[in-house]
Amino acid sequence: MLPPVSSMIPAIALWVYGVVFMVNGFFSLGKADPKGTGVVSMAGGAINTVFAFILAGACLIGFYMGALAEPVAMVGLVTALLIFHFGILCWSVGPALTWGLDLKAAVTSLFFIAPFLVVYCPFFISHGMYWFAVNVCAWAVVVSLFGLVVHGKLNPKIAGWVWIIESVGTCFVPATILFLGGTLP
């Protein structure tokens, strides 16, 4: 479990990525333009990269000063890494959309990062963070779906609705729970 103050950074990160997911969903449904979607992706990636480094720094300083136990600090560091990985995704897709570049090259990175997201599952399960474990798998699916759309292997509307559903279920709702001081299962 993350320490209470440190849970605010993942909560903010979830809100930011929830917006990115939502806009990507509307883009896949044809309701948002590529440039605007790209700007939202780049902004989300930049904002959350800053938060990832703040969380990692806070956890390292807290651990070395004796304020955080090793398991808590480790969970914070892994969570920061997860937030950073999504930043990489946003940096891959955002510029391509914004500047009208070929998405196939940018989206290829998604096929490499999606399986890596699943690697987080055993870590989160071993720390009793079942919600994170289930959701990193869900995020790996939605990221892969976007790649399939770009490569012409999936109807964009299917991916769009999955993006929107996941933005609510895996980002906005849990972020709200964390903001209100609750814990996730």
N, C-alpha and C. Protein backbone atom coordinates (compact mmCIF):
# COMPACT_ATOMS: atom_id res chain seq x y z
N MET A 1 0.85 -1.18 0.00
CA MET A 1 0.00 0.00 0.00
C MET A 1 0.89 1.24 0.00
N LEU A 2 0.51 2.21 -0.79
CA LEU A 2 1.26 3.46 -0.83
C LEU A 2 0.98 4.28 0.42
N PRO A 3 1.99 5.05 0.87
CA PRO A 3 1.71 5.94 2.00
C PRO A 3 0.69 7.00 1.58
N PRO A 4 -0.11 7.51 2.52
CA PRO A 4 -1.22 8.41 2.17
C PRO A 4 -0.82 9.61 1.31
N VAL A 5 0.24 10.33 1.66
CA VAL A 5 0.62 11.49 0.87
C VAL A 5 1.08 11.06 -0.51
N SER A 6 1.83 9.97 -0.58
CA SER A 6 2.32 9.48 -1.87
C SER A 6 1.20 8.96 -2.75
N SER A 7 0.06 8.62 -2.18
CA SER A 7 -1.04 8.13 -3.00
C SER A 7 -1.69 9.26 -3.80
N MET A 8 -1.40 10.51 -3.42
CA MET A 8 -1.94 11.65 -4.18
C MET A 8 -1.30 11.74 -5.57
N ILE A 9 -0.02 11.43 -5.67
CA ILE A 9 0.63 11.51 -6.98
C ILE A 9 0.05 10.47 -7.94
N PRO A 10 -0.08 9.19 -7.53
CA PRO A 10 -0.75 8.26 -8.43
C PRO A 10 -2.19 8.66 -8.74
N ALA A 11 -2.88 9.28 -7.78
CA ALA A 11 -4.25 9.72 -8.04
C ALA A 11 -4.27 10.80 -9.11
N ILE A 12 -3.36 11.75 -9.01
CA ILE A 12 -3.28 12.80 -10.04
C ILE A 12 -2.89 12.18 -11.38
N ALA A 13 -1.92 11.27 -11.35
CA ALA A 13 -1.49 10.60 -12.59
C ALA A 13 -2.65 9.85 -13.23
N LEU A 14 -3.46 9.20 -12.41
CA LEU A 14 -4.63 8.49 -12.95
C LEU A 14 -5.60 9.46 -13.61
N TRP A 15 -5.82 10.62 -12.99
CA TRP A 15 -6.71 11.62 -13.60
C TRP A 15 -6.16 12.09 -14.93
N VAL A 16 -4.86 12.39 -14.95
CA VAL A 16 -4.25 12.87 -16.19
C VAL A 16 -4.34 11.81 -17.28
N TYR A 17 -3.96 10.57 -16.95
CA TYR A 17 -4.05 9.52 -17.96
C TYR A 17 -5.49 9.17 -18.30
N GLY A 18 -6.40 9.38 -17.37
CA GLY A 18 -7.82 9.20 -17.68
C GLY A 18 -8.26 10.16 -18.77
N VAL A 19 -7.78 11.40 -18.69
CA VAL A 19 -8.09 12.38 -19.74
C VAL A 19 -7.47 11.94 -21.06
N VAL A 20 -6.22 11.47 -21.02
CA VAL A 20 -5.56 11.00 -22.25
C VAL A 20 -6.34 9.81 -22.84
N PHE A 21 -6.72 8.87 -22.00
CA PHE A 21 -7.50 7.72 -22.47
C PHE A 21 -8.82 8.18 -23.11
N MET A 22 -9.50 9.10 -22.42
CA MET A 22 -10.79 9.58 -22.91
C MET A 22 -10.64 10.25 -24.27
N VAL A 23 -9.65 11.11 -24.41
CA VAL A 23 -9.44 11.81 -25.68
C VAL A 23 -9.05 10.82 -26.78
N ASN A 24 -8.21 9.83 -26.44
CA ASN A 24 -7.88 8.80 -27.43
C ASN A 24 -9.12 8.02 -27.84
N GLY A 25 -10.01 7.79 -26.89
CA GLY A 25 -11.26 7.11 -27.22
C GLY A 25 -12.10 7.92 -28.18
N PHE A 26 -12.23 9.22 -27.91
CA PHE A 26 -12.99 10.09 -28.82
C PHE A 26 -12.30 10.19 -30.18
N PHE A 27 -10.98 10.20 -30.20
CA PHE A 27 -10.24 10.21 -31.47
C PHE A 27 -10.55 8.95 -32.26
N SER A 28 -10.54 7.80 -31.59
CA SER A 28 -10.82 6.52 -32.27
C SER A 28 -12.26 6.46 -32.78
N LEU A 29 -13.15 7.17 -32.11
CA LEU A 29 -14.55 7.23 -32.56
C LEU A 29 -14.77 8.31 -33.62
N GLY A 30 -13.72 9.05 -33.97
CA GLY A 30 -13.83 10.11 -34.97
C GLY A 30 -14.39 11.41 -34.41
N LYS A 31 -14.36 11.57 -33.09
CA LYS A 31 -14.94 12.76 -32.45
C LYS A 31 -13.89 13.76 -31.98
N ALA A 32 -12.61 13.49 -32.22
CA ALA A 32 -11.52 14.41 -31.86
C ALA A 32 -10.52 14.41 -33.00
N ASP A 33 -9.90 15.56 -33.23
CA ASP A 33 -8.94 15.64 -34.33
C ASP A 33 -7.56 15.15 -33.87
N PRO A 34 -6.73 14.74 -34.83
CA PRO A 34 -5.43 14.18 -34.48
C PRO A 34 -4.52 15.18 -33.75
N LYS A 35 -4.50 16.42 -34.19
CA LYS A 35 -3.59 17.40 -33.56
C LYS A 35 -3.95 17.64 -32.10
N GLY A 36 -5.22 17.83 -31.83
CA GLY A 36 -5.64 18.04 -30.45
C GLY A 36 -5.38 16.82 -29.59
N THR A 37 -5.62 15.63 -30.14
CA THR A 37 -5.35 14.39 -29.42
C THR A 37 -3.87 14.27 -29.12
N GLY A 38 -3.04 14.63 -30.09
CA GLY A 38 -1.60 14.57 -29.90
C GLY A 38 -1.12 15.51 -28.83
N VAL A 39 -1.67 16.73 -28.81
CA VAL A 39 -1.29 17.71 -27.79
C VAL A 39 -1.68 17.20 -26.40
N VAL A 40 -2.87 16.63 -26.27
CA VAL A 40 -3.31 16.10 -24.98
C VAL A 40 -2.38 14.96 -24.55
N SER A 41 -2.00 14.09 -25.49
CA SER A 41 -1.09 12.98 -25.17
C SER A 41 0.27 13.49 -24.70
N MET A 42 0.82 14.47 -25.44
CA MET A 42 2.13 15.00 -25.05
C MET A 42 2.06 15.70 -23.71
N ALA A 43 1.00 16.47 -23.47
CA ALA A 43 0.85 17.17 -22.19
C ALA A 43 0.70 16.17 -21.05
N GLY A 44 -0.12 15.15 -21.26
CA GLY A 44 -0.31 14.12 -20.24
C GLY A 44 0.99 13.40 -19.92
N GLY A 45 1.74 13.06 -20.96
CA GLY A 45 3.03 12.40 -20.75
C GLY A 45 4.01 13.29 -20.01
N ALA A 46 4.06 14.57 -20.37
CA ALA A 46 4.99 15.49 -19.72
C ALA A 46 4.63 15.71 -18.25
N ILE A 47 3.35 15.97 -18.00
CA ILE A 47 2.90 16.20 -16.62
C ILE A 47 3.20 14.98 -15.75
N ASN A 48 2.86 13.82 -16.25
CA ASN A 48 3.04 12.63 -15.43
C ASN A 48 4.49 12.18 -15.32
N THR A 49 5.32 12.55 -16.27
CA THR A 49 6.74 12.26 -16.12
C THR A 49 7.31 13.06 -14.95
N VAL A 50 6.89 14.30 -14.84
CA VAL A 50 7.32 15.11 -13.69
C VAL A 50 6.84 14.45 -12.39
N PHE A 51 5.58 14.03 -12.36
CA PHE A 51 5.06 13.38 -11.15
C PHE A 51 5.79 12.07 -10.86
N ALA A 52 6.16 11.33 -11.89
CA ALA A 52 6.89 10.07 -11.69
C ALA A 52 8.23 10.34 -11.00
N PHE A 53 8.93 11.38 -11.45
CA PHE A 53 10.22 11.70 -10.83
C PHE A 53 10.04 12.23 -9.41
N ILE A 54 8.99 12.99 -9.17
CA ILE A 54 8.72 13.47 -7.81
C ILE A 54 8.43 12.29 -6.88
N LEU A 55 7.59 11.37 -7.32
CA LEU A 55 7.25 10.21 -6.50
C LEU A 55 8.49 9.36 -6.24
N ALA A 56 9.28 9.11 -7.28
CA ALA A 56 10.50 8.31 -7.10
C ALA A 56 11.45 9.00 -6.13
N GLY A 57 11.63 10.30 -6.29
CA GLY A 57 12.51 11.04 -5.39
C GLY A 57 12.01 11.02 -3.95
N ALA A 58 10.72 11.23 -3.77
CA ALA A 58 10.14 11.23 -2.42
C ALA A 58 10.31 9.86 -1.76
N CYS A 59 10.11 8.80 -2.53
CA CYS A 59 10.26 7.45 -1.97
C CYS A 59 11.71 7.15 -1.62
N LEU A 60 12.63 7.55 -2.48
CA LEU A 60 14.05 7.32 -2.19
C LEU A 60 14.50 8.12 -0.97
N ILE A 61 14.14 9.39 -0.93
CA ILE A 61 14.52 10.23 0.21
C ILE A 61 13.87 9.69 1.50
N GLY A 62 12.57 9.35 1.41
CA GLY A 62 11.88 8.80 2.57
C GLY A 62 12.51 7.52 3.07
N PHE A 63 12.92 6.65 2.16
CA PHE A 63 13.56 5.39 2.56
C PHE A 63 14.92 5.65 3.21
N TYR A 64 15.75 6.47 2.57
CA TYR A 64 17.09 6.71 3.10
C TYR A 64 17.09 7.54 4.38
N MET A 65 16.03 8.27 4.64
CA MET A 65 15.94 9.03 5.89
C MET A 65 15.23 8.22 6.98
N GLY A 66 14.79 7.01 6.63
CA GLY A 66 14.14 6.15 7.60
C GLY A 66 12.67 6.40 7.80
N ALA A 67 12.06 7.25 6.98
CA ALA A 67 10.64 7.56 7.13
C ALA A 67 9.74 6.54 6.43
N LEU A 68 10.30 5.80 5.47
CA LEU A 68 9.51 4.79 4.74
C LEU A 68 10.19 3.43 4.86
N ALA A 69 9.40 2.42 5.16
CA ALA A 69 9.92 1.05 5.17
C ALA A 69 10.24 0.64 3.73
N GLU A 70 11.15 -0.32 3.60
CA GLU A 70 11.58 -0.75 2.27
C GLU A 70 10.42 -1.19 1.37
N PRO A 71 9.46 -2.01 1.85
CA PRO A 71 8.38 -2.42 0.95
C PRO A 71 7.55 -1.24 0.44
N VAL A 72 7.30 -0.26 1.31
CA VAL A 72 6.50 0.91 0.92
C VAL A 72 7.27 1.74 -0.10
N ALA A 73 8.56 1.94 0.15
CA ALA A 73 9.38 2.70 -0.79
C ALA A 73 9.46 1.99 -2.13
N MET A 74 9.57 0.66 -2.10
CA MET A 74 9.65 -0.10 -3.35
C MET A 74 8.36 0.00 -4.15
N VAL A 75 7.22 -0.06 -3.47
CA VAL A 75 5.94 0.09 -4.16
C VAL A 75 5.86 1.47 -4.80
N GLY A 76 6.30 2.49 -4.09
CA GLY A 76 6.30 3.84 -4.65
C GLY A 76 7.19 3.95 -5.87
N LEU A 77 8.37 3.34 -5.81
CA LEU A 77 9.28 3.38 -6.96
C LEU A 77 8.72 2.65 -8.17
N VAL A 78 8.13 1.49 -7.94
CA VAL A 78 7.54 0.74 -9.05
C VAL A 78 6.34 1.49 -9.62
N THR A 79 5.55 2.11 -8.78
CA THR A 79 4.43 2.92 -9.25
C THR A 79 4.94 4.10 -10.08
N ALA A 80 6.02 4.73 -9.64
CA ALA A 80 6.63 5.82 -10.40
C ALA A 80 7.09 5.32 -11.77
N LEU A 81 7.68 4.14 -11.81
CA LEU A 81 8.12 3.56 -13.08
C LEU A 81 6.94 3.30 -14.00
N LEU A 82 5.84 2.81 -13.44
CA LEU A 82 4.63 2.57 -14.23
C LEU A 82 4.11 3.88 -14.82
N ILE A 83 4.06 4.92 -14.00
CA ILE A 83 3.62 6.24 -14.48
C ILE A 83 4.53 6.71 -15.60
N PHE A 84 5.83 6.51 -15.44
CA PHE A 84 6.81 6.91 -16.45
C PHE A 84 6.63 6.12 -17.75
N HIS A 85 6.33 4.82 -17.64
CA HIS A 85 6.12 4.02 -18.86
C HIS A 85 4.97 4.57 -19.70
N PHE A 86 3.92 5.02 -19.06
CA PHE A 86 2.83 5.61 -19.82
C PHE A 86 3.24 6.94 -20.44
N GLY A 87 4.16 7.64 -19.79
CA GLY A 87 4.71 8.85 -20.38
C GLY A 87 5.40 8.55 -21.70
N ILE A 88 6.14 7.44 -21.74
CA ILE A 88 6.81 7.03 -22.98
C ILE A 88 5.79 6.79 -24.08
N LEU A 89 4.68 6.15 -23.73
CA LEU A 89 3.63 5.92 -24.73
C LEU A 89 3.09 7.23 -25.26
N CYS A 90 2.87 8.16 -24.36
CA CYS A 90 2.34 9.47 -24.79
C CYS A 90 3.34 10.21 -25.66
N TRP A 91 4.62 10.09 -25.37
CA TRP A 91 5.64 10.75 -26.19
C TRP A 91 5.77 10.09 -27.55
N SER A 92 5.44 8.81 -27.64
CA SER A 92 5.53 8.11 -28.93
C SER A 92 4.40 8.51 -29.86
N VAL A 93 3.19 8.51 -29.33
CA VAL A 93 2.01 8.75 -30.15
C VAL A 93 1.70 10.24 -30.32
N GLY A 94 1.87 11.02 -29.26
CA GLY A 94 1.53 12.44 -29.28
C GLY A 94 2.16 13.24 -30.41
N PRO A 95 3.48 13.19 -30.57
CA PRO A 95 4.09 13.97 -31.66
C PRO A 95 3.64 13.52 -33.05
N ALA A 96 3.47 12.21 -33.21
CA ALA A 96 3.03 11.71 -34.53
C ALA A 96 1.65 12.27 -34.87
N LEU A 97 0.75 12.27 -33.91
CA LEU A 97 -0.59 12.82 -34.15
C LEU A 97 -0.53 14.33 -34.37
N THR A 98 0.23 15.02 -33.55
CA THR A 98 0.29 16.49 -33.62
C THR A 98 0.86 16.97 -34.95
N TRP A 99 1.92 16.33 -35.40
CA TRP A 99 2.61 16.80 -36.60
C TRP A 99 2.26 16.01 -37.85
N GLY A 100 1.23 15.16 -37.78
CA GLY A 100 0.76 14.43 -38.95
C GLY A 100 1.75 13.40 -39.46
N LEU A 101 2.53 12.82 -38.59
CA LEU A 101 3.50 11.81 -38.98
C LEU A 101 2.84 10.43 -39.03
N ASP A 102 3.55 9.48 -39.59
CA ASP A 102 3.04 8.11 -39.68
C ASP A 102 2.91 7.50 -38.29
N LEU A 103 1.74 7.07 -37.95
CA LEU A 103 1.51 6.49 -36.62
C LEU A 103 2.06 5.08 -36.49
N LYS A 104 2.27 4.39 -37.60
CA LYS A 104 2.71 2.99 -37.51
C LYS A 104 4.05 2.86 -36.79
N ALA A 105 4.98 3.75 -37.07
CA ALA A 105 6.27 3.68 -36.38
C ALA A 105 6.10 3.98 -34.90
N ALA A 106 5.31 5.00 -34.58
CA ALA A 106 5.11 5.37 -33.17
C ALA A 106 4.38 4.27 -32.41
N VAL A 107 3.40 3.66 -33.05
CA VAL A 107 2.58 2.66 -32.38
C VAL A 107 3.32 1.34 -32.22
N THR A 108 4.34 1.11 -33.00
CA THR A 108 5.11 -0.12 -32.84
C THR A 108 5.67 -0.22 -31.43
N SER A 109 6.01 0.92 -30.84
CA SER A 109 6.51 0.91 -29.46
C SER A 109 5.45 0.36 -28.50
N LEU A 110 4.18 0.54 -28.84
CA LEU A 110 3.11 0.04 -27.97
C LEU A 110 3.15 -1.48 -27.87
N PHE A 111 3.48 -2.14 -28.97
CA PHE A 111 3.53 -3.60 -28.95
C PHE A 111 4.67 -4.12 -28.09
N PHE A 112 5.69 -3.30 -27.88
CA PHE A 112 6.78 -3.71 -27.00
C PHE A 112 6.49 -3.36 -25.55
N ILE A 113 5.80 -2.25 -25.33
CA ILE A 113 5.54 -1.81 -23.96
C ILE A 113 4.35 -2.55 -23.35
N ALA A 114 3.36 -2.92 -24.15
CA ALA A 114 2.16 -3.59 -23.60
C ALA A 114 2.52 -4.87 -22.84
N PRO A 115 3.31 -5.78 -23.40
CA PRO A 115 3.65 -6.98 -22.61
C PRO A 115 4.46 -6.64 -21.35
N PHE A 116 5.26 -5.59 -21.45
CA PHE A 116 6.05 -5.19 -20.30
C PHE A 116 5.15 -4.73 -19.15
N LEU A 117 4.01 -4.12 -19.48
CA LEU A 117 3.08 -3.69 -18.44
C LEU A 117 2.58 -4.88 -17.62
N VAL A 118 2.38 -6.01 -18.29
CA VAL A 118 1.89 -7.20 -17.60
C VAL A 118 2.91 -7.71 -16.58
N VAL A 119 4.18 -7.40 -16.80
CA VAL A 119 5.22 -7.83 -15.87
C VAL A 119 5.03 -7.20 -14.49
N TYR A 120 4.34 -6.09 -14.43
CA TYR A 120 4.07 -5.45 -13.14
C TYR A 120 3.10 -6.27 -12.28
N CYS A 121 2.28 -7.10 -12.90
CA CYS A 121 1.23 -7.83 -12.17
C CYS A 121 1.75 -8.61 -10.97
N PRO A 122 2.75 -9.49 -11.14
CA PRO A 122 3.21 -10.25 -9.96
C PRO A 122 3.71 -9.37 -8.82
N PHE A 123 4.36 -8.27 -9.16
CA PHE A 123 4.84 -7.36 -8.11
C PHE A 123 3.65 -6.79 -7.33
N PHE A 124 2.66 -6.27 -8.04
CA PHE A 124 1.52 -5.67 -7.35
C PHE A 124 0.73 -6.72 -6.56
N ILE A 125 0.58 -7.92 -7.12
CA ILE A 125 -0.12 -8.99 -6.39
C ILE A 125 0.63 -9.34 -5.11
N SER A 126 1.96 -9.43 -5.21
CA SER A 126 2.76 -9.79 -4.03
C SER A 126 2.69 -8.74 -2.93
N HIS A 127 2.29 -7.52 -3.28
CA HIS A 127 2.13 -6.46 -2.29
C HIS A 127 0.67 -6.18 -1.95
N GLY A 128 -0.23 -7.09 -2.36
CA GLY A 128 -1.64 -6.96 -2.04
C GLY A 128 -2.36 -5.86 -2.80
N MET A 129 -1.77 -5.40 -3.89
CA MET A 129 -2.36 -4.32 -4.68
C MET A 129 -3.05 -4.93 -5.91
N TYR A 130 -4.14 -5.62 -5.66
CA TYR A 130 -4.82 -6.38 -6.71
C TYR A 130 -5.42 -5.46 -7.78
N TRP A 131 -5.89 -4.28 -7.36
CA TRP A 131 -6.46 -3.36 -8.33
C TRP A 131 -5.42 -2.97 -9.37
N PHE A 132 -4.20 -2.62 -8.92
CA PHE A 132 -3.15 -2.26 -9.87
C PHE A 132 -2.80 -3.44 -10.77
N ALA A 133 -2.78 -4.64 -10.21
CA ALA A 133 -2.44 -5.83 -11.00
C ALA A 133 -3.44 -6.04 -12.13
N VAL A 134 -4.71 -5.97 -11.81
CA VAL A 134 -5.74 -6.17 -12.83
C VAL A 134 -5.70 -5.05 -13.87
N ASN A 135 -5.50 -3.83 -13.40
CA ASN A 135 -5.54 -2.70 -14.32
C ASN A 135 -4.34 -2.58 -15.23
N VAL A 136 -3.15 -3.00 -14.78
CA VAL A 136 -2.04 -2.95 -15.73
C VAL A 136 -2.29 -3.92 -16.87
N CYS A 137 -2.98 -5.02 -16.58
CA CYS A 137 -3.36 -5.94 -17.66
C CYS A 137 -4.39 -5.29 -18.58
N ALA A 138 -5.36 -4.59 -18.00
CA ALA A 138 -6.36 -3.89 -18.81
C ALA A 138 -5.70 -2.80 -19.65
N TRP A 139 -4.74 -2.10 -19.08
CA TRP A 139 -4.04 -1.05 -19.83
C TRP A 139 -3.20 -1.65 -20.96
N ALA A 140 -2.62 -2.82 -20.72
CA ALA A 140 -1.87 -3.49 -21.79
C ALA A 140 -2.79 -3.83 -22.95
N VAL A 141 -4.02 -4.23 -22.64
CA VAL A 141 -4.99 -4.55 -23.68
C VAL A 141 -5.35 -3.31 -24.48
N VAL A 142 -5.68 -2.21 -23.81
CA VAL A 142 -6.11 -1.01 -24.52
C VAL A 142 -4.98 -0.43 -25.36
N VAL A 143 -3.76 -0.52 -24.86
CA VAL A 143 -2.61 -0.04 -25.62
C VAL A 143 -2.41 -0.90 -26.87
N SER A 144 -2.57 -2.21 -26.71
CA SER A 144 -2.46 -3.12 -27.86
C SER A 144 -3.56 -2.87 -28.88
N LEU A 145 -4.77 -2.59 -28.40
CA LEU A 145 -5.88 -2.32 -29.32
C LEU A 145 -5.59 -1.11 -30.20
N PHE A 146 -5.01 -0.07 -29.62
CA PHE A 146 -4.66 1.12 -30.39
C PHE A 146 -3.67 0.76 -31.49
N GLY A 147 -2.71 -0.09 -31.15
CA GLY A 147 -1.76 -0.55 -32.16
C GLY A 147 -2.43 -1.33 -33.27
N LEU A 148 -3.39 -2.18 -32.90
CA LEU A 148 -4.11 -2.96 -33.90
C LEU A 148 -4.94 -2.06 -34.82
N VAL A 149 -5.52 -1.00 -34.27
CA VAL A 149 -6.29 -0.06 -35.08
C VAL A 149 -5.38 0.60 -36.11
N VAL A 150 -4.25 1.08 -35.66
CA VAL A 150 -3.34 1.79 -36.56
C VAL A 150 -2.84 0.87 -37.67
N HIS A 151 -2.66 -0.39 -37.35
CA HIS A 151 -2.20 -1.36 -38.36
C HIS A 151 -3.34 -1.96 -39.17
N GLY A 152 -4.56 -1.43 -38.99
CA GLY A 152 -5.70 -1.86 -39.78
C GLY A 152 -6.27 -3.22 -39.42
N LYS A 153 -5.99 -3.70 -38.21
CA LYS A 153 -6.45 -5.03 -37.80
C LYS A 153 -7.66 -5.01 -36.88
N LEU A 154 -8.16 -3.80 -36.55
CA LEU A 154 -9.29 -3.69 -35.64
C LEU A 154 -10.09 -2.45 -35.97
N ASN A 155 -11.39 -2.55 -35.81
CA ASN A 155 -12.28 -1.43 -36.02
C ASN A 155 -12.00 -0.35 -34.97
N PRO A 156 -11.74 0.88 -35.38
CA PRO A 156 -11.42 1.95 -34.42
C PRO A 156 -12.51 2.19 -33.39
N LYS A 157 -13.77 1.95 -33.75
CA LYS A 157 -14.86 2.20 -32.81
C LYS A 157 -14.78 1.25 -31.60
N ILE A 158 -14.36 0.02 -31.83
CA ILE A 158 -14.20 -0.92 -30.71
C ILE A 158 -13.14 -0.40 -29.75
N ALA A 159 -11.99 -0.03 -30.31
CA ALA A 159 -10.91 0.49 -29.47
C ALA A 159 -11.35 1.78 -28.77
N GLY A 160 -12.09 2.62 -29.48
CA GLY A 160 -12.55 3.88 -28.89
C GLY A 160 -13.39 3.66 -27.65
N TRP A 161 -14.33 2.72 -27.74
CA TRP A 161 -15.18 2.47 -26.58
C TRP A 161 -14.39 1.83 -25.44
N VAL A 162 -13.42 0.98 -25.76
CA VAL A 162 -12.59 0.39 -24.71
C VAL A 162 -11.78 1.49 -24.01
N TRP A 163 -11.21 2.42 -24.80
CA TRP A 163 -10.48 3.56 -24.21
C TRP A 163 -11.38 4.32 -23.24
N ILE A 164 -12.58 4.63 -23.67
CA ILE A 164 -13.50 5.44 -22.85
C ILE A 164 -13.91 4.68 -21.59
N ILE A 165 -14.26 3.41 -21.74
CA ILE A 165 -14.65 2.61 -20.58
C ILE A 165 -13.49 2.49 -19.59
N GLU A 166 -12.29 2.24 -20.11
CA GLU A 166 -11.14 2.13 -19.22
C GLU A 166 -10.78 3.47 -18.58
N SER A 167 -11.02 4.57 -19.28
CA SER A 167 -10.72 5.88 -18.67
C SER A 167 -11.54 6.07 -17.41
N VAL A 168 -12.79 5.63 -17.45
CA VAL A 168 -13.66 5.77 -16.28
C VAL A 168 -13.32 4.71 -15.23
N GLY A 169 -13.33 3.45 -15.65
CA GLY A 169 -13.18 2.35 -14.70
C GLY A 169 -11.80 2.16 -14.11
N THR A 170 -10.76 2.44 -14.90
CA THR A 170 -9.41 2.19 -14.40
C THR A 170 -8.64 3.47 -14.06
N CYS A 171 -9.21 4.62 -14.36
CA CYS A 171 -8.51 5.88 -14.07
C CYS A 171 -9.33 6.80 -13.18
N PHE A 172 -10.48 7.28 -13.68
CA PHE A 172 -11.25 8.29 -12.95
C PHE A 172 -11.82 7.78 -11.62
N VAL A 173 -12.44 6.61 -11.62
CA VAL A 173 -13.04 6.09 -10.38
C VAL A 173 -11.98 5.82 -9.32
N PRO A 174 -10.89 5.08 -9.65
CA PRO A 174 -9.89 4.85 -8.61
C PRO A 174 -9.18 6.13 -8.16
N ALA A 175 -8.96 7.06 -9.07
CA ALA A 175 -8.34 8.33 -8.68
C ALA A 175 -9.22 9.05 -7.66
N THR A 176 -10.51 9.03 -7.90
CA THR A 176 -11.44 9.66 -6.96
C THR A 176 -11.39 8.98 -5.61
N ILE A 177 -11.34 7.66 -5.60
CA ILE A 177 -11.24 6.91 -4.33
C ILE A 177 -9.99 7.33 -3.57
N LEU A 178 -8.84 7.42 -4.29
CA LEU A 178 -7.60 7.82 -3.64
C LEU A 178 -7.66 9.26 -3.14
N PHE A 179 -8.25 10.16 -3.94
CA PHE A 179 -8.38 11.56 -3.52
C PHE A 179 -9.21 11.69 -2.26
N LEU A 180 -10.21 10.83 -2.12
CA LEU A 180 -11.08 10.88 -0.95
C LEU A 180 -10.49 10.15 0.26
N GLY A 181 -9.26 9.66 0.11
CA GLY A 181 -8.59 9.01 1.23
C GLY A 181 -8.86 7.53 1.36
N GLY A 182 -9.54 6.97 0.38
CA GLY A 182 -9.80 5.53 0.41
C GLY A 182 -8.61 4.73 -0.08
N THR A 183 -8.74 3.44 0.02
CA THR A 183 -7.71 2.56 -0.50
C THR A 183 -8.32 1.68 -1.57
N LEU A 184 -7.47 1.25 -2.47
CA LEU A 184 -7.91 0.36 -3.54
C LEU A 184 -7.65 -1.08 -3.13
N PRO A 185 -8.51 -2.00 -3.57
CA PRO A 185 -8.31 -3.41 -3.16
C PRO A 185 -7.01 -3.97 -3.68
